[in-house]
Amino acid sequence: MDSKTIVINEIKKLTKNTFDVTSNIKDLKIDSLDLVLFITDIEEKYHITISDEELLSLKTIQNIIDLFDKKLNK
């Protein structure tokens, strides 16, 4: 499974709103705690580390996908 599919499937669990990769995370009404738990889960499952600065820079679904790709391909 590619990172885009993984991220989209996980985001679907956090929101009932429809979205695509260009969607803004805030527009999806995803609680910040839910987002942190989601990122923590990804870190644990895939043995990666995402800094607080990187977390704060996430604005869109595509940002999450790009960061996930970057971390997995290091």
Protein backbone atom coordinates (compact mmCIF):
# COMPACT_ATOMS: atom_id res chain seq x y z
CA MET A 1 0.00 0.00 0.00
CA ASP A 2 1.36 3.43 -0.90
CA SER A 3 1.56 6.33 1.51
CA LYS A 4 -1.30 8.22 -0.14
CA THR A 5 -3.68 5.29 0.39
CA ILE A 6 -2.53 4.83 3.98
CA VAL A 7 -2.99 8.51 4.85
CA ILE A 8 -6.38 8.79 3.12
CA ASN A 9 -7.69 5.67 4.85
CA GLU A 10 -6.57 6.98 8.22
CA ILE A 11 -8.05 10.45 7.62
CA LYS A 12 -11.38 8.84 6.69
CA LYS A 13 -11.51 7.52 10.25
CA LEU A 14 -11.13 11.05 11.64
CA THR A 15 -13.73 12.94 9.62
CA LYS A 16 -17.12 12.45 8.07
CA ASN A 17 -16.50 15.24 5.58
CA THR A 18 -15.57 14.48 2.00
CA PHE A 19 -12.04 15.45 1.07
CA ASP A 20 -9.23 15.09 -1.42
CA VAL A 21 -5.49 15.63 -1.18
CA THR A 22 -5.85 19.41 -1.54
CA SER A 23 -8.24 19.66 1.42
CA ASN A 24 -7.18 21.77 4.34
CA ILE A 25 -7.01 19.77 7.58
CA LYS A 26 -8.83 22.49 9.53
CA ASP A 27 -11.69 22.47 7.03
CA LEU A 28 -12.22 18.79 7.79
CA LYS A 29 -12.85 19.65 11.44
CA ILE A 30 -10.23 17.20 12.63
CA ASP A 31 -9.50 17.84 16.26
CA SER A 32 -5.84 18.66 16.96
CA LEU A 33 -5.66 15.82 19.50
CA ASP A 34 -6.96 13.38 16.88
CA LEU A 35 -4.34 14.62 14.43
CA VAL A 36 -1.56 14.14 16.99
CA LEU A 37 -2.81 10.63 17.77
CA PHE A 38 -2.94 9.85 14.07
CA ILE A 39 0.64 11.05 13.56
CA THR A 40 1.82 9.17 16.66
CA ASP A 41 0.19 6.01 15.33
CA ILE A 42 1.95 6.43 11.98
CA GLU A 43 5.27 7.00 13.76
CA GLU A 44 4.88 3.79 15.74
CA LYS A 45 3.62 1.63 12.86
CA TYR A 46 6.29 2.73 10.40
CA HIS A 47 9.18 3.47 12.79
CA ILE A 48 9.58 7.08 11.78
CA THR A 49 9.85 10.31 13.76
CA ILE A 50 7.96 13.48 12.99
CA SER A 51 9.10 16.61 14.81
CA ASP A 52 6.77 19.12 16.40
CA GLU A 53 7.82 21.66 13.76
CA GLU A 54 6.90 19.25 10.99
CA LEU A 55 3.58 18.53 12.67
CA LEU A 56 2.78 22.22 12.93
CA SER A 57 3.59 22.74 9.25
CA LEU A 58 0.92 20.29 8.10
CA LYS A 59 -1.91 22.21 6.48
CA THR A 60 -3.33 19.90 3.81
CA ILE A 61 -3.77 16.18 3.29
CA GLN A 62 -1.08 16.39 0.61
CA ASN A 63 1.33 17.84 3.20
CA ILE A 64 0.82 14.75 5.34
CA ILE A 65 1.32 12.43 2.36
CA ASP A 66 4.50 14.27 1.30
CA LEU A 67 5.95 14.17 4.81
CA PHE A 68 5.10 10.49 5.18
CA ASP A 69 6.77 9.75 1.82
CA LYS A 70 9.85 11.72 2.82
CA LYS A 71 10.17 9.91 6.14
CA LEU A 72 9.64 6.45 4.67
CA ASN A 73 12.17 6.98 1.91
CA LYS A 74 15.02 8.19 4.14
